[in-house]
Amino acid sequence: MKILLCALGVLLPLCIMTAVAAEVDLKRITVSNPYLMAFGKNAKAGSGYFVISNKNSSAVILNKVTSGIGAAMLHKTDIDETGIAKMKHLKNIVVPGSGSLKLEPGGTHIMFMNLQNKLEENERYPVTLFFKGLGSLKIDFILKSPKKNKKSHKHDNGHSHKHDH
């Protein structure tokens, strides 16, 4: 019983620290699950995604982003009537009061240009978000591979092929 209690005493704080690291808060604004995608270790551009939750009753404005790995800009992907995707530079992003905004592929995101480092998967890259009238929030983006997870397996008929999982 003592060993179990000791193990819980050591492991529980580690679990709590891990959970907190995935979510950062500033004046009732929460940023969760920030990640960065770049195509290749020597990529010169990448994109950043996360969810901003605003627990304030009025809207908040994200108006600037800085990073130590390259120029960071707010962008939105728009698809025109012919199906062609174009990126549009945004001066700011409005997060509604008592609401949230998801920055995701194919939508609003942070575009990183002129990347200066060789990026390594699962490494942390610091980024600072500036909210109009509220201050700044430092978060760590984690690089995730853009590759799909394909697993090869055999079927009963003896054929093998890959599926997305």
N, C-alpha and C. Protein backbone atom coordinates (compact mmCIF):
# COMPACT_ATOMS: atom_id res chain seq x y z
N MET A 1 0.82 -1.19 0.00
CA MET A 1 0.00 0.00 0.00
C MET A 1 0.87 1.26 0.00
N LYS A 2 1.97 1.25 0.79
CA LYS A 2 2.86 2.40 0.82
C LYS A 2 3.49 2.65 -0.54
N ILE A 3 3.85 1.55 -1.23
CA ILE A 3 4.46 1.69 -2.56
C ILE A 3 3.47 2.32 -3.52
N LEU A 4 2.21 1.92 -3.50
CA LEU A 4 1.18 2.47 -4.37
C LEU A 4 0.99 3.96 -4.10
N LEU A 5 0.93 4.34 -2.83
CA LEU A 5 0.77 5.75 -2.49
C LEU A 5 1.98 6.57 -2.92
N CYS A 6 3.17 6.02 -2.76
CA CYS A 6 4.39 6.71 -3.21
C CYS A 6 4.38 6.88 -4.72
N ALA A 7 3.98 5.85 -5.44
CA ALA A 7 3.92 5.92 -6.91
C ALA A 7 2.93 6.98 -7.35
N LEU A 8 1.77 7.03 -6.69
CA LEU A 8 0.78 8.06 -7.02
C LEU A 8 1.31 9.45 -6.71
N GLY A 9 2.04 9.57 -5.61
CA GLY A 9 2.61 10.86 -5.23
C GLY A 9 3.62 11.37 -6.25
N VAL A 10 4.31 10.48 -6.92
CA VAL A 10 5.28 10.86 -7.94
C VAL A 10 4.61 11.04 -9.30
N LEU A 11 3.75 10.13 -9.69
CA LEU A 11 3.16 10.14 -11.03
C LEU A 11 2.06 11.18 -11.20
N LEU A 12 1.25 11.43 -10.20
CA LEU A 12 0.13 12.36 -10.33
C LEU A 12 0.60 13.77 -10.71
N PRO A 13 1.62 14.33 -10.03
CA PRO A 13 2.09 15.65 -10.46
C PRO A 13 2.59 15.67 -11.89
N LEU A 14 3.23 14.58 -12.34
CA LEU A 14 3.71 14.52 -13.73
C LEU A 14 2.55 14.55 -14.70
N CYS A 15 1.48 13.83 -14.40
CA CYS A 15 0.30 13.82 -15.25
C CYS A 15 -0.33 15.21 -15.31
N ILE A 16 -0.41 15.88 -14.17
CA ILE A 16 -0.99 17.22 -14.13
C ILE A 16 -0.13 18.19 -14.93
N MET A 17 1.20 18.13 -14.80
CA MET A 17 2.08 19.03 -15.55
C MET A 17 1.92 18.79 -17.05
N THR A 18 1.79 17.56 -17.48
CA THR A 18 1.63 17.26 -18.90
C THR A 18 0.32 17.85 -19.42
N ALA A 19 -0.76 17.72 -18.67
CA ALA A 19 -2.05 18.25 -19.10
C ALA A 19 -2.00 19.77 -19.21
N VAL A 20 -1.35 20.43 -18.25
CA VAL A 20 -1.27 21.88 -18.26
C VAL A 20 -0.44 22.38 -19.43
N ALA A 21 0.59 21.63 -19.80
CA ALA A 21 1.48 22.06 -20.89
C ALA A 21 0.74 22.15 -22.23
N ALA A 22 -0.36 21.43 -22.39
CA ALA A 22 -1.10 21.45 -23.65
C ALA A 22 -2.10 22.60 -23.70
N GLU A 23 -2.22 23.35 -22.60
CA GLU A 23 -3.19 24.45 -22.55
C GLU A 23 -2.56 25.62 -21.80
N VAL A 24 -2.62 26.81 -22.41
CA VAL A 24 -2.02 28.00 -21.82
C VAL A 24 -3.10 29.07 -21.71
N ASP A 25 -3.05 29.88 -20.63
CA ASP A 25 -4.13 30.81 -20.33
C ASP A 25 -3.62 32.23 -20.09
N LEU A 26 -4.37 33.24 -20.57
CA LEU A 26 -4.10 34.66 -20.32
C LEU A 26 -5.44 35.37 -20.19
N LYS A 27 -5.71 35.93 -19.03
CA LYS A 27 -6.91 36.75 -18.82
C LYS A 27 -8.16 36.14 -19.43
N ARG A 28 -8.42 34.88 -19.08
CA ARG A 28 -9.60 34.14 -19.51
C ARG A 28 -9.59 33.78 -21.00
N ILE A 29 -8.40 33.84 -21.61
CA ILE A 29 -8.20 33.36 -22.99
C ILE A 29 -7.34 32.12 -22.88
N THR A 30 -7.80 31.03 -23.44
CA THR A 30 -7.06 29.77 -23.37
C THR A 30 -6.66 29.32 -24.77
N VAL A 31 -5.41 28.94 -24.91
CA VAL A 31 -4.91 28.38 -26.17
C VAL A 31 -4.59 26.92 -25.88
N SER A 32 -5.15 26.03 -26.68
CA SER A 32 -4.90 24.61 -26.45
C SER A 32 -4.42 23.90 -27.70
N ASN A 33 -3.63 22.87 -27.48
CA ASN A 33 -3.10 21.97 -28.51
C ASN A 33 -2.42 22.67 -29.69
N PRO A 34 -1.46 23.57 -29.43
CA PRO A 34 -0.76 24.21 -30.54
C PRO A 34 0.20 23.24 -31.22
N TYR A 35 0.15 23.19 -32.55
CA TYR A 35 1.11 22.36 -33.28
C TYR A 35 1.49 23.03 -34.59
N LEU A 36 2.64 22.65 -35.09
CA LEU A 36 3.24 23.21 -36.29
C LEU A 36 3.42 22.11 -37.30
N MET A 37 3.14 22.41 -38.57
CA MET A 37 3.41 21.45 -39.64
C MET A 37 4.32 22.10 -40.68
N ALA A 38 5.35 21.38 -41.07
CA ALA A 38 6.26 21.82 -42.13
C ALA A 38 6.55 20.59 -42.97
N PHE A 39 6.74 20.79 -44.25
CA PHE A 39 6.96 19.66 -45.15
C PHE A 39 8.45 19.46 -45.38
N GLY A 40 9.04 18.62 -44.53
CA GLY A 40 10.46 18.31 -44.63
C GLY A 40 11.28 19.07 -43.60
N LYS A 41 12.42 18.48 -43.22
CA LYS A 41 13.29 19.09 -42.21
C LYS A 41 13.87 20.42 -42.67
N ASN A 42 14.07 20.57 -43.97
CA ASN A 42 14.67 21.80 -44.50
C ASN A 42 13.63 22.75 -45.07
N ALA A 43 12.38 22.60 -44.66
CA ALA A 43 11.29 23.44 -45.19
C ALA A 43 11.54 24.91 -44.86
N LYS A 44 11.12 25.77 -45.76
CA LYS A 44 11.25 27.21 -45.56
C LYS A 44 9.92 27.83 -45.12
N ALA A 45 8.85 27.02 -45.10
CA ALA A 45 7.54 27.51 -44.68
C ALA A 45 6.82 26.42 -43.90
N GLY A 46 5.92 26.85 -43.05
CA GLY A 46 5.11 25.91 -42.28
C GLY A 46 3.85 26.60 -41.80
N SER A 47 2.95 25.86 -41.17
CA SER A 47 1.72 26.44 -40.66
C SER A 47 1.48 26.00 -39.23
N GLY A 48 0.83 26.89 -38.48
CA GLY A 48 0.54 26.62 -37.08
C GLY A 48 -0.94 26.58 -36.81
N TYR A 49 -1.34 25.68 -35.94
CA TYR A 49 -2.76 25.46 -35.64
C TYR A 49 -2.96 25.31 -34.14
N PHE A 50 -4.14 25.72 -33.66
CA PHE A 50 -4.51 25.58 -32.25
C PHE A 50 -5.96 26.03 -32.09
N VAL A 51 -6.45 25.94 -30.88
CA VAL A 51 -7.80 26.41 -30.56
C VAL A 51 -7.67 27.53 -29.54
N ILE A 52 -8.34 28.67 -29.80
CA ILE A 52 -8.39 29.77 -28.84
C ILE A 52 -9.80 29.78 -28.25
N SER A 53 -9.89 29.70 -26.94
CA SER A 53 -11.18 29.80 -26.25
C SER A 53 -11.19 31.11 -25.47
N ASN A 54 -12.29 31.85 -25.58
CA ASN A 54 -12.43 33.13 -24.93
C ASN A 54 -13.56 33.05 -23.91
N LYS A 55 -13.22 33.10 -22.63
CA LYS A 55 -14.23 33.02 -21.57
C LYS A 55 -14.73 34.41 -21.16
N ASN A 56 -14.23 35.45 -21.81
CA ASN A 56 -14.70 36.81 -21.55
C ASN A 56 -16.03 37.02 -22.28
N SER A 57 -16.85 37.95 -21.79
CA SER A 57 -18.14 38.19 -22.45
C SER A 57 -17.99 38.96 -23.76
N SER A 58 -16.90 39.73 -23.90
CA SER A 58 -16.70 40.46 -25.16
C SER A 58 -15.61 39.80 -26.00
N ALA A 59 -15.63 40.09 -27.28
CA ALA A 59 -14.66 39.52 -28.22
C ALA A 59 -13.25 40.00 -27.88
N VAL A 60 -12.26 39.18 -28.23
CA VAL A 60 -10.85 39.57 -28.10
C VAL A 60 -10.22 39.48 -29.49
N ILE A 61 -9.16 40.27 -29.66
CA ILE A 61 -8.52 40.35 -30.97
C ILE A 61 -7.07 39.91 -30.88
N LEU A 62 -6.73 38.88 -31.65
CA LEU A 62 -5.34 38.45 -31.82
C LEU A 62 -4.81 39.26 -32.99
N ASN A 63 -3.84 40.18 -32.70
CA ASN A 63 -3.41 41.06 -33.78
C ASN A 63 -1.95 40.95 -34.17
N LYS A 64 -1.19 40.07 -33.52
CA LYS A 64 0.21 39.92 -33.90
C LYS A 64 0.72 38.59 -33.38
N VAL A 65 1.65 37.99 -34.13
CA VAL A 65 2.31 36.75 -33.74
C VAL A 65 3.79 36.90 -34.04
N THR A 66 4.64 36.50 -33.08
CA THR A 66 6.08 36.49 -33.33
C THR A 66 6.63 35.11 -33.00
N SER A 67 7.76 34.80 -33.62
CA SER A 67 8.36 33.49 -33.42
C SER A 67 9.86 33.58 -33.59
N GLY A 68 10.59 32.70 -32.93
CA GLY A 68 12.04 32.64 -33.06
C GLY A 68 12.50 31.80 -34.23
N ILE A 69 11.57 31.16 -34.95
CA ILE A 69 11.97 30.27 -36.04
C ILE A 69 11.79 30.90 -37.42
N GLY A 70 11.12 32.05 -37.50
CA GLY A 70 10.89 32.71 -38.78
C GLY A 70 9.75 33.71 -38.65
N ALA A 71 9.45 34.38 -39.75
CA ALA A 71 8.35 35.36 -39.76
C ALA A 71 7.02 34.64 -39.58
N ALA A 72 6.17 35.18 -38.73
CA ALA A 72 4.86 34.57 -38.46
C ALA A 72 3.77 35.55 -38.83
N MET A 73 2.79 35.07 -39.59
CA MET A 73 1.70 35.92 -40.05
C MET A 73 0.37 35.19 -39.91
N LEU A 74 -0.68 35.95 -39.70
CA LEU A 74 -2.02 35.39 -39.64
C LEU A 74 -2.54 35.23 -41.06
N HIS A 75 -3.08 34.07 -41.38
CA HIS A 75 -3.60 33.79 -42.73
C HIS A 75 -4.92 33.04 -42.67
N LYS A 76 -5.62 33.11 -43.78
CA LYS A 76 -6.84 32.33 -43.94
C LYS A 76 -6.82 31.75 -45.35
N THR A 77 -7.20 30.49 -45.48
CA THR A 77 -7.30 29.87 -46.79
C THR A 77 -8.72 30.05 -47.28
N ASP A 78 -8.86 30.66 -48.46
CA ASP A 78 -10.16 30.81 -49.10
C ASP A 78 -10.18 29.97 -50.36
N ILE A 79 -11.29 29.32 -50.63
CA ILE A 79 -11.44 28.54 -51.86
C ILE A 79 -12.45 29.27 -52.74
N ASP A 80 -12.00 29.63 -53.97
CA ASP A 80 -12.89 30.38 -54.86
C ASP A 80 -13.90 29.46 -55.54
N GLU A 81 -14.76 30.05 -56.37
CA GLU A 81 -15.84 29.29 -57.01
C GLU A 81 -15.34 28.21 -57.97
N THR A 82 -14.07 28.31 -58.40
CA THR A 82 -13.51 27.28 -59.28
C THR A 82 -12.79 26.18 -58.50
N GLY A 83 -12.76 26.32 -57.16
CA GLY A 83 -12.12 25.30 -56.33
C GLY A 83 -10.65 25.54 -56.06
N ILE A 84 -10.13 26.70 -56.46
CA ILE A 84 -8.73 27.00 -56.25
C ILE A 84 -8.55 27.66 -54.88
N ALA A 85 -7.63 27.11 -54.09
CA ALA A 85 -7.36 27.64 -52.75
C ALA A 85 -6.34 28.77 -52.83
N LYS A 86 -6.63 29.85 -52.12
CA LYS A 86 -5.72 30.99 -52.06
C LYS A 86 -5.58 31.41 -50.61
N MET A 87 -4.36 31.78 -50.21
CA MET A 87 -4.14 32.26 -48.86
C MET A 87 -4.27 33.77 -48.83
N LYS A 88 -4.95 34.24 -47.79
CA LYS A 88 -5.18 35.67 -47.62
C LYS A 88 -4.55 36.09 -46.30
N HIS A 89 -3.72 37.14 -46.33
CA HIS A 89 -3.10 37.67 -45.12
C HIS A 89 -4.17 38.41 -44.31
N LEU A 90 -4.21 38.17 -43.00
CA LEU A 90 -5.16 38.83 -42.10
C LEU A 90 -4.42 39.79 -41.18
N LYS A 91 -5.02 40.96 -40.92
CA LYS A 91 -4.43 41.91 -39.97
C LYS A 91 -4.64 41.44 -38.54
N ASN A 92 -5.76 40.74 -38.30
CA ASN A 92 -6.05 40.23 -36.96
C ASN A 92 -7.09 39.12 -37.06
N ILE A 93 -7.29 38.47 -35.92
CA ILE A 93 -8.31 37.42 -35.81
C ILE A 93 -9.18 37.77 -34.62
N VAL A 94 -10.49 37.77 -34.82
CA VAL A 94 -11.42 38.07 -33.74
C VAL A 94 -11.95 36.76 -33.16
N VAL A 95 -11.81 36.64 -31.85
CA VAL A 95 -12.34 35.47 -31.14
C VAL A 95 -13.60 35.95 -30.41
N PRO A 96 -14.76 35.38 -30.73
CA PRO A 96 -16.01 35.89 -30.14
C PRO A 96 -16.05 35.73 -28.61
N GLY A 97 -16.79 36.62 -27.96
CA GLY A 97 -16.98 36.53 -26.52
C GLY A 97 -17.69 35.23 -26.18
N SER A 98 -17.28 34.61 -25.08
CA SER A 98 -17.84 33.33 -24.63
C SER A 98 -17.86 32.30 -25.76
N GLY A 99 -16.80 32.30 -26.57
CA GLY A 99 -16.73 31.37 -27.70
C GLY A 99 -15.31 30.92 -27.96
N SER A 100 -15.12 30.27 -29.09
CA SER A 100 -13.79 29.80 -29.45
C SER A 100 -13.59 29.88 -30.95
N LEU A 101 -12.35 29.78 -31.34
CA LEU A 101 -11.97 29.80 -32.75
C LEU A 101 -10.91 28.73 -32.95
N LYS A 102 -11.12 27.87 -33.94
CA LYS A 102 -10.18 26.80 -34.22
C LYS A 102 -9.35 27.20 -35.44
N LEU A 103 -8.04 27.28 -35.24
CA LEU A 103 -7.13 27.50 -36.36
C LEU A 103 -6.76 26.12 -36.86
N GLU A 104 -7.07 25.84 -38.14
CA GLU A 104 -6.94 24.49 -38.67
C GLU A 104 -6.58 24.50 -40.15
N PRO A 105 -6.06 23.37 -40.65
CA PRO A 105 -5.72 23.28 -42.07
C PRO A 105 -6.96 23.58 -42.93
N GLY A 106 -6.75 24.36 -43.98
CA GLY A 106 -7.85 24.71 -44.87
C GLY A 106 -8.67 25.89 -44.39
N GLY A 107 -8.28 26.50 -43.27
CA GLY A 107 -9.01 27.63 -42.70
C GLY A 107 -8.04 28.68 -42.20
N THR A 108 -8.37 29.29 -41.07
CA THR A 108 -7.51 30.28 -40.45
C THR A 108 -6.32 29.56 -39.81
N HIS A 109 -5.12 30.15 -39.96
CA HIS A 109 -3.91 29.54 -39.41
C HIS A 109 -2.81 30.58 -39.29
N ILE A 110 -1.70 30.18 -38.68
CA ILE A 110 -0.51 31.02 -38.67
C ILE A 110 0.44 30.47 -39.72
N MET A 111 0.92 31.35 -40.57
CA MET A 111 1.87 30.96 -41.61
C MET A 111 3.26 31.37 -41.14
N PHE A 112 4.17 30.42 -41.14
CA PHE A 112 5.57 30.69 -40.78
C PHE A 112 6.38 30.71 -42.07
N MET A 113 7.07 31.80 -42.31
CA MET A 113 7.87 31.96 -43.53
C MET A 113 9.35 32.09 -43.17
N ASN A 114 10.20 31.76 -44.14
CA ASN A 114 11.66 31.88 -43.98
C ASN A 114 12.14 31.16 -42.71
N LEU A 115 11.70 29.92 -42.54
CA LEU A 115 12.11 29.14 -41.37
C LEU A 115 13.62 29.06 -41.32
N GLN A 116 14.19 29.34 -40.17
CA GLN A 116 15.64 29.44 -40.03
C GLN A 116 16.29 28.20 -39.44
N ASN A 117 15.52 27.33 -38.87
CA ASN A 117 16.07 26.15 -38.21
C ASN A 117 15.69 24.89 -38.97
N LYS A 118 16.47 23.84 -38.78
CA LYS A 118 16.02 22.52 -39.20
C LYS A 118 15.04 22.08 -38.13
N LEU A 119 13.81 21.83 -38.52
CA LEU A 119 12.79 21.49 -37.56
C LEU A 119 12.77 19.99 -37.29
N GLU A 120 12.64 19.63 -36.04
CA GLU A 120 12.62 18.24 -35.63
C GLU A 120 11.26 17.88 -35.07
N GLU A 121 10.74 16.71 -35.47
CA GLU A 121 9.44 16.26 -35.01
C GLU A 121 9.42 16.12 -33.49
N ASN A 122 8.30 16.53 -32.90
CA ASN A 122 8.03 16.50 -31.46
C ASN A 122 8.89 17.48 -30.65
N GLU A 123 9.66 18.35 -31.30
CA GLU A 123 10.39 19.41 -30.60
C GLU A 123 9.44 20.58 -30.36
N ARG A 124 9.78 21.42 -29.39
CA ARG A 124 8.95 22.58 -29.05
C ARG A 124 9.56 23.84 -29.65
N TYR A 125 8.69 24.70 -30.22
CA TYR A 125 9.14 25.95 -30.83
C TYR A 125 8.29 27.09 -30.26
N PRO A 126 8.93 28.04 -29.54
CA PRO A 126 8.19 29.11 -28.87
C PRO A 126 7.61 30.13 -29.85
N VAL A 127 6.38 30.53 -29.56
CA VAL A 127 5.65 31.52 -30.35
C VAL A 127 4.95 32.44 -29.34
N THR A 128 4.87 33.74 -29.66
CA THR A 128 4.17 34.68 -28.79
C THR A 128 2.98 35.25 -29.53
N LEU A 129 1.81 35.17 -28.89
CA LEU A 129 0.57 35.72 -29.43
C LEU A 129 0.29 37.04 -28.71
N PHE A 130 -0.07 38.08 -29.46
CA PHE A 130 -0.36 39.39 -28.88
C PHE A 130 -1.85 39.69 -29.07
N PHE A 131 -2.52 39.93 -27.93
CA PHE A 131 -3.95 40.23 -27.94
C PHE A 131 -4.15 41.72 -27.65
N LYS A 132 -4.92 42.39 -28.48
CA LYS A 132 -5.16 43.82 -28.37
C LYS A 132 -5.71 44.16 -26.98
N GLY A 133 -4.97 45.02 -26.25
CA GLY A 133 -5.40 45.50 -24.95
C GLY A 133 -5.26 44.51 -23.81
N LEU A 134 -4.79 43.28 -24.08
CA LEU A 134 -4.71 42.27 -23.03
C LEU A 134 -3.30 41.79 -22.73
N GLY A 135 -2.38 42.02 -23.65
CA GLY A 135 -1.01 41.57 -23.45
C GLY A 135 -0.66 40.41 -24.35
N SER A 136 0.39 39.70 -23.97
CA SER A 136 0.90 38.62 -24.82
C SER A 136 0.84 37.29 -24.09
N LEU A 137 0.86 36.25 -24.87
CA LEU A 137 0.80 34.89 -24.36
C LEU A 137 1.85 34.08 -25.09
N LYS A 138 2.79 33.49 -24.32
CA LYS A 138 3.84 32.66 -24.92
C LYS A 138 3.38 31.21 -24.90
N ILE A 139 3.46 30.58 -26.06
CA ILE A 139 3.09 29.17 -26.18
C ILE A 139 4.18 28.42 -26.93
N ASP A 140 4.20 27.12 -26.77
CA ASP A 140 5.15 26.26 -27.48
C ASP A 140 4.38 25.46 -28.52
N PHE A 141 4.81 25.57 -29.76
CA PHE A 141 4.26 24.73 -30.82
C PHE A 141 5.09 23.46 -30.87
N ILE A 142 4.45 22.34 -31.12
CA ILE A 142 5.15 21.06 -31.28
C ILE A 142 5.04 20.67 -32.75
N LEU A 143 6.17 20.34 -33.36
CA LEU A 143 6.18 19.94 -34.76
C LEU A 143 5.58 18.55 -34.91
N LYS A 144 4.59 18.45 -35.79
CA LYS A 144 3.99 17.16 -36.12
C LYS A 144 4.25 16.88 -37.59
N SER A 145 4.43 15.63 -37.91
CA SER A 145 4.68 15.22 -39.29
C SER A 145 3.38 15.33 -40.09
N PRO A 146 3.44 15.87 -41.31
CA PRO A 146 2.25 15.94 -42.15
C PRO A 146 1.91 14.61 -42.81
N LYS A 147 2.78 13.60 -42.67
CA LYS A 147 2.55 12.31 -43.31
C LYS A 147 1.37 11.60 -42.65
N LYS A 148 0.59 10.94 -43.47
CA LYS A 148 -0.51 10.14 -42.94
C LYS A 148 0.06 8.85 -42.37
N ASN A 149 -0.59 8.34 -41.36
CA ASN A 149 -0.16 7.09 -40.74
C ASN A 149 -0.73 5.92 -41.53
N LYS A 150 0.10 5.31 -42.32
CA LYS A 150 -0.36 4.18 -43.15
C LYS A 150 0.20 2.90 -42.57
N LYS A 151 -0.65 1.94 -42.42
CA LYS A 151 -0.22 0.64 -41.90
C LYS A 151 -0.49 -0.41 -42.96
N SER A 152 0.48 -1.27 -43.15
CA SER A 152 0.32 -2.35 -44.10
C SER A 152 -0.14 -3.60 -43.35
N HIS A 153 -1.11 -4.26 -43.91
CA HIS A 153 -1.53 -5.51 -43.31
C HIS A 153 -2.11 -6.43 -44.37
N LYS A 154 -2.19 -7.71 -44.03
CA LYS A 154 -2.69 -8.71 -44.97
C LYS A 154 -4.15 -9.03 -44.67
N HIS A 155 -4.88 -9.28 -45.74
CA HIS A 155 -6.26 -9.73 -45.61
C HIS A 155 -6.29 -11.26 -45.73
N ASP A 156 -7.42 -11.86 -45.46
CA ASP A 156 -7.56 -13.32 -45.51
C ASP A 156 -7.25 -13.88 -46.89
N ASN A 157 -7.42 -13.04 -47.94
CA ASN A 157 -7.17 -13.54 -49.29
C ASN A 157 -5.70 -13.54 -49.66
N GLY A 158 -4.81 -13.15 -48.72
CA GLY A 158 -3.37 -13.17 -48.98
C GLY A 158 -2.82 -11.89 -49.57
N HIS A 159 -3.68 -10.96 -49.97
CA HIS A 159 -3.23 -9.68 -50.52
C HIS A 159 -2.88 -8.72 -49.38
N SER A 160 -1.86 -7.92 -49.61
CA SER A 160 -1.55 -6.90 -48.61
C SER A 160 -1.56 -5.54 -49.28
N HIS A 161 -1.98 -4.53 -48.53
CA HIS A 161 -1.96 -3.15 -49.01
C HIS A 161 -2.04 -2.22 -47.81
N LYS A 162 -1.90 -0.92 -48.08
CA LYS A 162 -1.88 0.06 -47.00
C LYS A 162 -3.21 0.78 -46.91
N HIS A 163 -3.59 1.10 -45.68
CA HIS A 163 -4.78 1.89 -45.40
C HIS A 163 -4.38 3.07 -44.52
N ASP A 164 -5.14 4.15 -44.60
CA ASP A 164 -4.99 5.23 -43.64
C ASP A 164 -5.66 4.82 -42.34
N HIS A 165 -4.98 5.01 -41.22
CA HIS A 165 -5.56 4.70 -39.91
C HIS A 165 -5.51 5.91 -39.04
